[in-house]
Structures are given as structure tokens and as C-alpha cells.
Amino acid sequence: MQHTLKMNPLKYSDLEDFVSCYNPDDRHNRSETWNEEYPEGRFCRFTYEEIIARDKTSLDIFLLRDKSLAYLDNLPDPDILANEIIENIEAVLESFREIVITLNGNGE
């Protein structure tokens, strides 16, 4: 899922499946939705050994990949990508402005 602050902001409903699987009230009874029989599931756990055994150990573990981006022919047009980048930069700047206002009380 691709989220942007303005066009497609992340909402609680986007996280409901994760919260359900994570089961914060009873972590010993968490349920995974990904397995080899159901590779489209979104959540599974990894042991320390599984993570450390990965080539170039990283916590960037992708179960789902955006299949539409697997081939360069499927990438959005450059103008769409450029507009998304501008949108993201503007949203970050706005967030920083809000932080400055909060810290300084006046935004200067």
C-alpha cells in the first residue's frame, strides 16, 4: 500500500489487520496471516536466527511487494512520480513547521 500525507493518508483502518494479528492484549496468542500456502498474507513472525541468517542482515523484510512495480514498464509516468515527491516534501515541511511552532510557541 502506498500512502501519502495528502492524497492517501494512513488511517487507523489501514492498520486494523495488523493490530488484530499483533493482539496486544494477549501476545502469546498472536495469529500470522502469511505462510507458504498463503503468500499473500501480510503478517508473520521471524526468529532471531531467521533474521540473522539473511544475506546482509536487515530488518527491512518484505513479504508483499508491489507487483505493479516489478517491471520498469509498470512504473507511473515521471510527472506523476515528480508530483508525489513534491507532495511528500511539502508535507514534511509542513510537519516541521508545526514542530517549530510547538517548540517555540511562535514558529520563528
PDB file of N, CA and C in Angstrom:
ATOM      1  N   MET A   1       0.841  -1.173   0.000  1.00  0.00           N
ATOM      2  CA  MET A   1       0.000   0.000   0.000  1.00  0.00           C
ATOM      3  C   MET A   1       0.881   1.228   0.000  1.00  0.00           C
ATOM      4  N   GLN A   2       0.535   2.162  -0.805  1.00  0.00           N
ATOM      5  CA  GLN A   2       1.309   3.386  -0.860  1.00  0.00           C
ATOM      6  C   GLN A   2       0.474   4.503  -0.253  1.00  0.00           C
ATOM      7  N   HIS A   3       1.059   5.149   0.758  1.00  0.00           N
ATOM      8  CA  HIS A   3       0.359   6.230   1.435  1.00  0.00           C
ATOM      9  C   HIS A   3       1.142   7.519   1.272  1.00  0.00           C
ATOM     10  N   THR A   4       0.410   8.608   1.108  1.00  0.00           N
ATOM     11  CA  THR A   4       0.997   9.935   1.107  1.00  0.00           C
ATOM     12  C   THR A   4       0.200  10.770   2.102  1.00  0.00           C
ATOM     13  N   LEU A   5       0.814  11.826   2.603  1.00  0.00           N
ATOM     14  CA  LEU A   5       0.135  12.612   3.629  1.00  0.00           C
ATOM     15  C   LEU A   5      -1.099  13.327   3.118  1.00  0.00           C
ATOM     16  N   LYS A   6      -1.099  13.729   1.847  1.00  0.00           N
ATOM     17  CA  LYS A   6      -2.239  14.483   1.327  1.00  0.00           C
ATOM     18  C   LYS A   6      -3.210  13.631   0.518  1.00  0.00           C
ATOM     19  N   MET A   7      -2.687  12.861  -0.428  1.00  0.00           N
ATOM     20  CA  MET A   7      -3.564  12.142  -1.347  1.00  0.00           C
ATOM     21  C   MET A   7      -4.120  10.845  -0.765  1.00  0.00           C
ATOM     22  N   ASN A   8      -3.323  10.145   0.022  1.00  0.00           N
ATOM     23  CA  ASN A   8      -3.772   8.873   0.574  1.00  0.00           C
ATOM     24  C   ASN A   8      -3.177   8.699   1.973  1.00  0.00           C
ATOM     25  N   PRO A   9      -3.644   9.506   2.937  1.00  0.00           N
ATOM     26  CA  PRO A   9      -3.057   9.434   4.281  1.00  0.00           C
ATOM     27  C   PRO A   9      -3.365   8.104   4.971  1.00  0.00           C
ATOM     28  N   LEU A  10      -2.441   7.678   5.787  1.00  0.00           N
ATOM     29  CA  LEU A  10      -2.607   6.458   6.556  1.00  0.00           C
ATOM     30  C   LEU A  10      -3.710   6.673   7.584  1.00  0.00           C
ATOM     31  N   LYS A  11      -4.638   5.730   7.652  1.00  0.00           N
ATOM     32  CA  LYS A  11      -5.753   5.815   8.594  1.00  0.00           C
ATOM     33  C   LYS A  11      -5.713   4.597   9.517  1.00  0.00           C
ATOM     34  N   TYR A  12      -6.387   4.706  10.635  1.00  0.00           N
ATOM     35  CA  TYR A  12      -6.425   3.584  11.565  1.00  0.00           C
ATOM     36  C   TYR A  12      -6.942   2.323  10.872  1.00  0.00           C
ATOM     37  N   SER A  13      -7.900   2.467  10.006  1.00  0.00           N
ATOM     38  CA  SER A  13      -8.466   1.290   9.321  1.00  0.00           C
ATOM     39  C   SER A  13      -7.402   0.552   8.505  1.00  0.00           C
ATOM     40  N   ASP A  14      -6.355   1.276   8.062  1.00  0.00           N
ATOM     41  CA  ASP A  14      -5.261   0.627   7.323  1.00  0.00           C
ATOM     42  C   ASP A  14      -4.440  -0.283   8.229  1.00  0.00           C
ATOM     43  N   LEU A  15      -4.525  -0.073   9.523  1.00  0.00           N
ATOM     44  CA  LEU A  15      -3.721  -0.831  10.482  1.00  0.00           C
ATOM     45  C   LEU A  15      -4.521  -1.873  11.267  1.00  0.00           C
ATOM     46  N   GLU A  16      -5.815  -1.921  11.052  1.00  0.00           N
ATOM     47  CA  GLU A  16      -6.658  -2.821  11.842  1.00  0.00           C
ATOM     48  C   GLU A  16      -6.242  -4.291  11.732  1.00  0.00           C
ATOM     49  N   ASP A  17      -5.886  -4.745  10.526  1.00  0.00           N
ATOM     50  CA  ASP A  17      -5.442  -6.140  10.371  1.00  0.00           C
ATOM     51  C   ASP A  17      -4.201  -6.404  11.203  1.00  0.00           C
ATOM     52  N   PHE A  18      -3.254  -5.454  11.171  1.00  0.00           N
ATOM     53  CA  PHE A  18      -2.031  -5.618  11.951  1.00  0.00           C
ATOM     54  C   PHE A  18      -2.346  -5.662  13.442  1.00  0.00           C
ATOM     55  N   VAL A  19      -3.163  -4.756  13.918  1.00  0.00           N
ATOM     56  CA  VAL A  19      -3.500  -4.724  15.347  1.00  0.00           C
ATOM     57  C   VAL A  19      -4.168  -6.025  15.749  1.00  0.00           C
ATOM     58  N   SER A  20      -5.050  -6.536  14.897  1.00  0.00           N
ATOM     59  CA  SER A  20      -5.717  -7.802  15.176  1.00  0.00           C
ATOM     60  C   SER A  20      -4.717  -8.951  15.258  1.00  0.00           C
ATOM     61  N   CYS A  21      -3.792  -9.014  14.306  1.00  0.00           N
ATOM     62  CA  CYS A  21      -2.777 -10.070  14.310  1.00  0.00           C
ATOM     63  C   CYS A  21      -1.799  -9.896  15.460  1.00  0.00           C
ATOM     64  N   TYR A  22      -1.435  -8.659  15.743  1.00  0.00           N
ATOM     65  CA  TYR A  22      -0.463  -8.358  16.796  1.00  0.00           C
ATOM     66  C   TYR A  22      -1.027  -8.744  18.165  1.00  0.00           C
ATOM     67  N   ASN A  23      -2.320  -8.593  18.317  1.00  0.00           N
ATOM     68  CA  ASN A  23      -3.026  -8.999  19.539  1.00  0.00           C
ATOM     69  C   ASN A  23      -2.335  -8.460  20.792  1.00  0.00           C
ATOM     70  N   PRO A  24      -2.314  -7.140  20.979  1.00  0.00           N
ATOM     71  CA  PRO A  24      -1.579  -6.558  22.096  1.00  0.00           C
ATOM     72  C   PRO A  24      -2.084  -7.005  23.471  1.00  0.00           C
ATOM     73  N   ASP A  25      -3.324  -7.446  23.556  1.00  0.00           N
ATOM     74  CA  ASP A  25      -3.858  -7.877  24.856  1.00  0.00           C
ATOM     75  C   ASP A  25      -3.397  -9.269  25.254  1.00  0.00           C
ATOM     76  N   ASP A  26      -2.995 -10.073  24.285  1.00  0.00           N
ATOM     77  CA  ASP A  26      -2.542 -11.436  24.586  1.00  0.00           C
ATOM     78  C   ASP A  26      -1.486 -11.844  23.560  1.00  0.00           C
ATOM     79  N   ARG A  27      -0.269 -11.353  23.760  1.00  0.00           N
ATOM     80  CA  ARG A  27       0.777 -11.541  22.757  1.00  0.00           C
ATOM     81  C   ARG A  27       1.161 -12.990  22.533  1.00  0.00           C
ATOM     82  N   HIS A  28       0.811 -13.879  23.465  1.00  0.00           N
ATOM     83  CA  HIS A  28       1.145 -15.295  23.303  1.00  0.00           C
ATOM     84  C   HIS A  28       0.182 -16.010  22.357  1.00  0.00           C
ATOM     85  N   ASN A  29      -0.891 -15.336  22.020  1.00  0.00           N
ATOM     86  CA  ASN A  29      -1.871 -15.921  21.101  1.00  0.00           C
ATOM     87  C   ASN A  29      -2.016 -15.074  19.837  1.00  0.00           C
ATOM     88  N   ARG A  30      -0.903 -14.664  19.293  1.00  0.00           N
ATOM     89  CA  ARG A  30      -0.921 -13.892  18.054  1.00  0.00           C
ATOM     90  C   ARG A  30      -1.106 -14.838  16.878  1.00  0.00           C
ATOM     91  N   SER A  31      -1.786 -14.336  15.850  1.00  0.00           N
ATOM     92  CA  SER A  31      -2.007 -15.177  14.671  1.00  0.00           C
ATOM     93  C   SER A  31      -1.346 -14.539  13.458  1.00  0.00           C
ATOM     94  N   GLU A  32      -0.657 -15.350  12.702  1.00  0.00           N
ATOM     95  CA  GLU A  32       0.005 -14.884  11.494  1.00  0.00           C
ATOM     96  C   GLU A  32      -0.941 -15.066  10.309  1.00  0.00           C
ATOM     97  N   THR A  33      -0.813 -14.195   9.348  1.00  0.00           N
ATOM     98  CA  THR A  33      -1.652 -14.326   8.155  1.00  0.00           C
ATOM     99  C   THR A  33      -0.852 -14.765   6.945  1.00  0.00           C
ATOM    100  N   TRP A  34       0.481 -14.786   7.052  1.00  0.00           N
ATOM    101  CA  TRP A  34       1.327 -15.214   5.951  1.00  0.00           C
ATOM    102  C   TRP A  34       1.896 -16.594   6.243  1.00  0.00           C
ATOM    103  N   ASN A  35       1.882 -17.432   5.239  1.00  0.00           N
ATOM    104  CA  ASN A  35       2.605 -18.703   5.300  1.00  0.00           C
ATOM    105  C   ASN A  35       2.846 -19.136   3.857  1.00  0.00           C
ATOM    106  N   GLU A  36       3.568 -20.222   3.677  1.00  0.00           N
ATOM    107  CA  GLU A  36       3.918 -20.627   2.313  1.00  0.00           C
ATOM    108  C   GLU A  36       2.691 -20.999   1.489  1.00  0.00           C
ATOM    109  N   GLU A  37       1.648 -21.496   2.152  1.00  0.00           N
ATOM    110  CA  GLU A  37       0.418 -21.821   1.423  1.00  0.00           C
ATOM    111  C   GLU A  37      -0.392 -20.565   1.097  1.00  0.00           C
ATOM    112  N   TYR A  38      -0.205 -19.517   1.888  1.00  0.00           N
ATOM    113  CA  TYR A  38      -0.921 -18.259   1.668  1.00  0.00           C
ATOM    114  C   TYR A  38       0.087 -17.106   1.630  1.00  0.00           C
ATOM    115  N   PRO A  39       0.842 -17.002   0.523  1.00  0.00           N
ATOM    116  CA  PRO A  39       1.897 -15.991   0.437  1.00  0.00           C
ATOM    117  C   PRO A  39       1.386 -14.563   0.315  1.00  0.00           C
ATOM    118  N   GLU A  40       0.091 -14.383   0.132  1.00  0.00           N
ATOM    119  CA  GLU A  40      -0.457 -13.035   0.060  1.00  0.00           C
ATOM    120  C   GLU A  40      -0.788 -12.485   1.441  1.00  0.00           C
ATOM    121  N   GLY A  41      -0.648 -13.316   2.478  1.00  0.00           N
ATOM    122  CA  GLY A  41      -0.875 -12.841   3.841  1.00  0.00           C
ATOM    123  C   GLY A  41       0.114 -11.751   4.164  1.00  0.00           C
ATOM    124  N   ARG A  42      -0.219 -10.888   5.094  1.00  0.00           N
ATOM    125  CA  ARG A  42       0.609  -9.710   5.325  1.00  0.00           C
ATOM    126  C   ARG A  42       1.499  -9.785   6.546  1.00  0.00           C
ATOM    127  N   PHE A  43       1.240 -10.695   7.479  1.00  0.00           N
ATOM    128  CA  PHE A  43       1.976 -10.657   8.729  1.00  0.00           C
ATOM    129  C   PHE A  43       2.474 -12.038   9.140  1.00  0.00           C
ATOM    130  N   CYS A  44       3.733 -12.089   9.533  1.00  0.00           N
ATOM    131  CA  CYS A  44       4.280 -13.300  10.133  1.00  0.00           C
ATOM    132  C   CYS A  44       5.443 -12.907  11.025  1.00  0.00           C
ATOM    133  N   ARG A  45       5.834 -13.807  11.887  1.00  0.00           N
ATOM    134  CA  ARG A  45       6.956 -13.516  12.782  1.00  0.00           C
ATOM    135  C   ARG A  45       8.207 -14.194  12.269  1.00  0.00           C
ATOM    136  N   PHE A  46       9.341 -13.653  12.667  1.00  0.00           N
ATOM    137  CA  PHE A  46      10.637 -14.203  12.329  1.00  0.00           C
ATOM    138  C   PHE A  46      11.432 -14.371  13.612  1.00  0.00           C
ATOM    139  N   THR A  47      12.162 -15.460  13.704  1.00  0.00           N
ATOM    140  CA  THR A  47      13.023 -15.662  14.857  1.00  0.00           C
ATOM    141  C   THR A  47      14.309 -14.865  14.644  1.00  0.00           C
ATOM    142  N   TYR A  48      15.038 -14.673  15.702  1.00  0.00           N
ATOM    143  CA  TYR A  48      16.332 -14.005  15.609  1.00  0.00           C
ATOM    144  C   TYR A  48      17.230 -14.756  14.633  1.00  0.00           C
ATOM    145  N   GLU A  49      17.223 -16.074  14.718  1.00  0.00           N
ATOM    146  CA  GLU A  49      18.062 -16.888  13.847  1.00  0.00           C
ATOM    147  C   GLU A  49      17.705 -16.684  12.375  1.00  0.00           C
ATOM    148  N   GLU A  50      16.412 -16.582  12.070  1.00  0.00           N
ATOM    149  CA  GLU A  50      15.992 -16.365  10.682  1.00  0.00           C
ATOM    150  C   GLU A  50      16.459 -15.002  10.166  1.00  0.00           C
ATOM    151  N   ILE A  51      16.384 -14.005  11.016  1.00  0.00           N
ATOM    152  CA  ILE A  51      16.792 -12.663  10.593  1.00  0.00           C
ATOM    153  C   ILE A  51      18.292 -12.596  10.408  1.00  0.00           C
ATOM    154  N   ILE A  52      19.042 -13.118  11.367  1.00  0.00           N
ATOM    155  CA  ILE A  52      20.500 -13.031  11.315  1.00  0.00           C
ATOM    156  C   ILE A  52      21.076 -13.876  10.180  1.00  0.00           C
ATOM    157  N   ALA A  53      20.352 -14.893   9.742  1.00  0.00           N
ATOM    158  CA  ALA A  53      20.832 -15.760   8.663  1.00  0.00           C
ATOM    159  C   ALA A  53      20.651 -15.121   7.288  1.00  0.00           C
ATOM    160  N   ARG A  54      19.888 -14.058   7.218  1.00  0.00           N
ATOM    161  CA  ARG A  54      19.652 -13.400   5.930  1.00  0.00           C
ATOM    162  C   ARG A  54      20.930 -12.775   5.402  1.00  0.00           C
ATOM    163  N   ASP A  55      21.063 -12.771   4.099  1.00  0.00           N
ATOM    164  CA  ASP A  55      22.184 -12.090   3.467  1.00  0.00           C
ATOM    165  C   ASP A  55      22.050 -10.598   3.771  1.00  0.00           C
ATOM    166  N   LYS A  56      23.125  -9.976   4.190  1.00  0.00           N
ATOM    167  CA  LYS A  56      23.092  -8.546   4.525  1.00  0.00           C
ATOM    168  C   LYS A  56      21.968  -8.277   5.525  1.00  0.00           C
ATOM    169  N   THR A  57      22.056  -8.894   6.662  1.00  0.00           N
ATOM    170  CA  THR A  57      21.016  -8.827   7.689  1.00  0.00           C
ATOM    171  C   THR A  57      20.391  -7.438   7.759  1.00  0.00           C
ATOM    172  N   SER A  58      19.100  -7.417   7.631  1.00  0.00           N
ATOM    173  CA  SER A  58      18.349  -6.170   7.630  1.00  0.00           C
ATOM    174  C   SER A  58      16.966  -6.440   8.207  1.00  0.00           C
ATOM    175  N   LEU A  59      16.424  -5.437   8.846  1.00  0.00           N
ATOM    176  CA  LEU A  59      15.053  -5.573   9.338  1.00  0.00           C
ATOM    177  C   LEU A  59      14.030  -5.143   8.300  1.00  0.00           C
ATOM    178  N   ASP A  60      14.497  -4.769   7.113  1.00  0.00           N
ATOM    179  CA  ASP A  60      13.598  -4.456   6.012  1.00  0.00           C
ATOM    180  C   ASP A  60      13.176  -5.768   5.365  1.00  0.00           C
ATOM    181  N   ILE A  61      12.138  -6.370   5.912  1.00  0.00           N
ATOM    182  CA  ILE A  61      11.676  -7.670   5.440  1.00  0.00           C
ATOM    183  C   ILE A  61      10.363  -7.453   4.699  1.00  0.00           C
ATOM    184  N   PHE A  62      10.373  -7.772   3.427  1.00  0.00           N
ATOM    185  CA  PHE A  62       9.191  -7.555   2.615  1.00  0.00           C
ATOM    186  C   PHE A  62       8.520  -8.885   2.308  1.00  0.00           C
ATOM    187  N   LEU A  63       7.312  -9.031   2.790  1.00  0.00           N
ATOM    188  CA  LEU A  63       6.524 -10.214   2.433  1.00  0.00           C
ATOM    189  C   LEU A  63       5.764  -9.939   1.148  1.00  0.00           C
ATOM    190  N   LEU A  64       5.267  -8.726   1.067  1.00  0.00           N
ATOM    191  CA  LEU A  64       4.493  -8.341  -0.105  1.00  0.00           C
ATOM    192  C   LEU A  64       5.266  -7.303  -0.879  1.00  0.00           C
ATOM    193  N   ARG A  65       5.349  -7.490  -2.125  1.00  0.00           N
ATOM    194  CA  ARG A  65       5.973  -6.488  -2.986  1.00  0.00           C
ATOM    195  C   ARG A  65       4.902  -6.002  -3.951  1.00  0.00           C
ATOM    196  N   ASP A  66       4.992  -4.752  -4.251  1.00  0.00           N
ATOM    197  CA  ASP A  66       4.050  -4.191  -5.215  1.00  0.00           C
ATOM    198  C   ASP A  66       4.387  -4.769  -6.580  1.00  0.00           C
ATOM    199  N   LYS A  67       3.610  -5.749  -7.009  1.00  0.00           N
ATOM    200  CA  LYS A  67       3.902  -6.443  -8.261  1.00  0.00           C
ATOM    201  C   LYS A  67       3.825  -5.511  -9.470  1.00  0.00           C
ATOM    202  N   SER A  68       3.082  -4.427  -9.343  1.00  0.00           N
ATOM    203  CA  SER A  68       2.987  -3.496 -10.461  1.00  0.00           C
ATOM    204  C   SER A  68       4.304  -2.756 -10.670  1.00  0.00           C
ATOM    205  N   LEU A  69       5.180  -2.738  -9.655  1.00  0.00           N
ATOM    206  CA  LEU A  69       6.458  -2.052  -9.784  1.00  0.00           C
ATOM    207  C   LEU A  69       7.603  -3.003 -10.090  1.00  0.00           C
ATOM    208  N   ALA A  70       7.286  -4.260 -10.320  1.00  0.00           N
ATOM    209  CA  ALA A  70       8.331  -5.252 -10.566  1.00  0.00           C
ATOM    210  C   ALA A  70       9.024  -5.013 -11.903  1.00  0.00           C
ATOM    211  N   TYR A  71       8.355  -4.402 -12.811  1.00  0.00           N
ATOM    212  CA  TYR A  71       8.915  -4.141 -14.126  1.00  0.00           C
ATOM    213  C   TYR A  71       8.885  -2.641 -14.388  1.00  0.00           C
ATOM    214  N   LEU A  72       9.942  -2.143 -14.954  1.00  0.00           N
ATOM    215  CA  LEU A  72      10.037  -0.704 -15.190  1.00  0.00           C
ATOM    216  C   LEU A  72       8.911  -0.190 -16.080  1.00  0.00           C
ATOM    217  N   ASP A  73       8.378  -1.063 -16.932  1.00  0.00           N
ATOM    218  CA  ASP A  73       7.277  -0.647 -17.810  1.00  0.00           C
ATOM    219  C   ASP A  73       6.026  -0.295 -17.013  1.00  0.00           C
ATOM    220  N   ASN A  74       5.929  -0.814 -15.794  1.00  0.00           N
ATOM    221  CA  ASN A  74       4.739  -0.586 -14.982  1.00  0.00           C
ATOM    222  C   ASN A  74       4.865   0.608 -14.055  1.00  0.00           C
ATOM    223  N   LEU A  75       6.005   1.296 -14.065  1.00  0.00           N
ATOM    224  CA  LEU A  75       6.178   2.457 -13.201  1.00  0.00           C
ATOM    225  C   LEU A  75       5.249   3.577 -13.637  1.00  0.00           C
ATOM    226  N   PRO A  76       4.804   4.391 -12.691  1.00  0.00           N
ATOM    227  CA  PRO A  76       3.991   5.551 -13.073  1.00  0.00           C
ATOM    228  C   PRO A  76       4.805   6.501 -13.946  1.00  0.00           C
ATOM    229  N   ASP A  77       4.115   7.348 -14.678  1.00  0.00           N
ATOM    230  CA  ASP A  77       4.782   8.331 -15.518  1.00  0.00           C
ATOM    231  C   ASP A  77       5.647   9.248 -14.659  1.00  0.00           C
ATOM    232  N   PRO A  78       6.744   9.758 -15.222  1.00  0.00           N
ATOM    233  CA  PRO A  78       7.649  10.620 -14.455  1.00  0.00           C
ATOM    234  C   PRO A  78       6.954  11.828 -13.830  1.00  0.00           C
ATOM    235  N   ASP A  79       5.972  12.408 -14.538  1.00  0.00           N
ATOM    236  CA  ASP A  79       5.289  13.574 -13.964  1.00  0.00           C
ATOM    237  C   ASP A  79       4.482  13.192 -12.727  1.00  0.00           C
ATOM    238  N   ILE A  80       3.924  11.992 -12.717  1.00  0.00           N
ATOM    239  CA  ILE A  80       3.188  11.522 -11.535  1.00  0.00           C
ATOM    240  C   ILE A  80       4.158  11.308 -10.379  1.00  0.00           C
ATOM    241  N   LEU A  81       5.294  10.661 -10.662  1.00  0.00           N
ATOM    242  CA  LEU A  81       6.301  10.452  -9.615  1.00  0.00           C
ATOM    243  C   LEU A  81       6.808  11.785  -9.080  1.00  0.00           C
ATOM    244  N   ALA A  82       7.080  12.720  -9.978  1.00  0.00           N
ATOM    245  CA  ALA A  82       7.580  14.030  -9.553  1.00  0.00           C
ATOM    246  C   ALA A  82       6.563  14.732  -8.668  1.00  0.00           C
ATOM    247  N   ASN A  83       5.286  14.677  -9.034  1.00  0.00           N
ATOM    248  CA  ASN A  83       4.247  15.312  -8.217  1.00  0.00           C
ATOM    249  C   ASN A  83       4.127  14.641  -6.851  1.00  0.00           C
ATOM    250  N   GLU A  84       4.279  13.324  -6.793  1.00  0.00           N
ATOM    251  CA  GLU A  84       4.238  12.639  -5.499  1.00  0.00           C
ATOM    252  C   GLU A  84       5.423  13.048  -4.630  1.00  0.00           C
ATOM    253  N   ILE A  85       6.594  13.192  -5.238  1.00  0.00           N
ATOM    254  CA  ILE A  85       7.773  13.631  -4.488  1.00  0.00           C
ATOM    255  C   ILE A  85       7.559  15.037  -3.943  1.00  0.00           C
ATOM    256  N   ILE A  86       7.058  15.931  -4.777  1.00  0.00           N
ATOM    257  CA  ILE A  86       6.784  17.305  -4.335  1.00  0.00           C
ATOM    258  C   ILE A  86       5.774  17.299  -3.198  1.00  0.00           C
ATOM    259  N   GLU A  87       4.730  16.513  -3.348  1.00  0.00           N
ATOM    260  CA  GLU A  87       3.701  16.420  -2.309  1.00  0.00           C
ATOM    261  C   GLU A  87       4.292  15.941  -0.989  1.00  0.00           C
ATOM    262  N   ASN A  88       5.143  14.921  -1.059  1.00  0.00           N
ATOM    263  CA  ASN A  88       5.764  14.394   0.160  1.00  0.00           C
ATOM    264  C   ASN A  88       6.691  15.419   0.799  1.00  0.00           C
ATOM    265  N   ILE A  89       7.475  16.123  -0.011  1.00  0.00           N
ATOM    266  CA  ILE A  89       8.384  17.142   0.533  1.00  0.00           C
ATOM    267  C   ILE A  89       7.588  18.267   1.184  1.00  0.00           C
ATOM    268  N   GLU A  90       6.523  18.717   0.534  1.00  0.00           N
ATOM    269  CA  GLU A  90       5.692  19.775   1.104  1.00  0.00           C
ATOM    270  C   GLU A  90       5.053  19.326   2.421  1.00  0.00           C
ATOM    271  N   ALA A  91       4.611  18.077   2.479  1.00  0.00           N
ATOM    272  CA  ALA A  91       4.008  17.567   3.705  1.00  0.00           C
ATOM    273  C   ALA A  91       5.032  17.497   4.832  1.00  0.00           C
ATOM    274  N   VAL A  92       6.261  17.092   4.505  1.00  0.00           N
ATOM    275  CA  VAL A  92       7.318  17.044   5.519  1.00  0.00           C
ATOM    276  C   VAL A  92       7.628  18.444   6.013  1.00  0.00           C
ATOM    277  N   LEU A  93       7.738  19.413   5.097  1.00  0.00           N
ATOM    278  CA  LEU A  93       7.992  20.791   5.505  1.00  0.00           C
ATOM    279  C   LEU A  93       6.890  21.316   6.419  1.00  0.00           C
ATOM    280  N   GLU A  94       5.658  21.003   6.089  1.00  0.00           N
ATOM    281  CA  GLU A  94       4.536  21.431   6.927  1.00  0.00           C
ATOM    282  C   GLU A  94       4.631  20.803   8.322  1.00  0.00           C
ATOM    283  N   SER A  95       5.007  19.534   8.367  1.00  0.00           N
ATOM    284  CA  SER A  95       5.176  18.870   9.664  1.00  0.00           C
ATOM    285  C   SER A  95       6.279  19.533  10.473  1.00  0.00           C
ATOM    286  N   PHE A  96       7.387  19.884   9.820  1.00  0.00           N
ATOM    287  CA  PHE A  96       8.469  20.566  10.531  1.00  0.00           C
ATOM    288  C   PHE A  96       8.028  21.944  11.010  1.00  0.00           C
ATOM    289  N   ARG A  97       7.242  22.646  10.203  1.00  0.00           N
ATOM    290  CA  ARG A  97       6.730  23.950  10.642  1.00  0.00           C
ATOM    291  C   ARG A  97       5.887  23.796  11.901  1.00  0.00           C
ATOM    292  N   GLU A  98       5.054  22.776  11.938  1.00  0.00           N
ATOM    293  CA  GLU A  98       4.224  22.533  13.126  1.00  0.00           C
ATOM    294  C   GLU A  98       5.083  22.208  14.342  1.00  0.00           C
ATOM    295  N   ILE A  99       6.163  21.465  14.135  1.00  0.00           N
ATOM    296  CA  ILE A  99       7.072  21.146  15.243  1.00  0.00           C
ATOM    297  C   ILE A  99       7.725  22.420  15.771  1.00  0.00           C
ATOM    298  N   VAL A 100       8.167  23.287  14.856  1.00  0.00           N
ATOM    299  CA  VAL A 100       8.798  24.546  15.268  1.00  0.00           C
ATOM    300  C   VAL A 100       7.815  25.398  16.052  1.00  0.00           C
ATOM    301  N   ILE A 101       6.597  25.467  15.577  1.00  0.00           N
ATOM    302  CA  ILE A 101       5.572  26.234  16.279  1.00  0.00           C
ATOM    303  C   ILE A 101       5.359  25.676  17.687  1.00  0.00           C
ATOM    304  N   THR A 102       5.302  24.384  17.778  1.00  0.00           N
ATOM    305  CA  THR A 102       5.114  23.734  19.085  1.00  0.00           C
ATOM    306  C   THR A 102       6.295  24.010  20.010  1.00  0.00           C
ATOM    307  N   LEU A 103       7.506  23.911  19.476  1.00  0.00           N
ATOM    308  CA  LEU A 103       8.702  24.122  20.295  1.00  0.00           C
ATOM    309  C   LEU A 103       8.895  25.569  20.703  1.00  0.00           C
ATOM    310  N   ASN A 104       8.679  26.479  19.765  1.00  0.00           N
ATOM    311  CA  ASN A 104       8.945  27.884  20.024  1.00  0.00           C
ATOM    312  C   ASN A 104       7.707  28.676  20.437  1.00  0.00           C
ATOM    313  N   GLY A 105       6.570  28.139  20.174  1.00  0.00           N
ATOM    314  CA  GLY A 105       5.350  28.834  20.507  1.00  0.00           C
ATOM    315  C   GLY A 105       4.965  29.921  19.510  1.00  0.00           C
ATOM    316  N   ASN A 106       5.850  30.190  18.515  1.00  0.00           N
ATOM    317  CA  ASN A 106       5.513  31.230  17.550  1.00  0.00           C
ATOM    318  C   ASN A 106       5.946  30.910  16.127  1.00  0.00           C
ATOM    319  N   GLY A 107       6.675  29.832  15.934  1.00  0.00           N
ATOM    320  CA  GLY A 107       7.084  29.420  14.594  1.00  0.00           C
ATOM    321  C   GLY A 107       8.319  30.095  14.062  1.00  0.00           C
ATOM    322  N   GLU A 108       8.984  30.917  14.869  1.00  0.00           N
ATOM    323  CA  GLU A 108      10.210  31.578  14.399  1.00  0.00           C
ATOM    324  C   GLU A 108      11.443  30.914  14.955  1.00  0.00           C
TER     325      GLU A 108
END
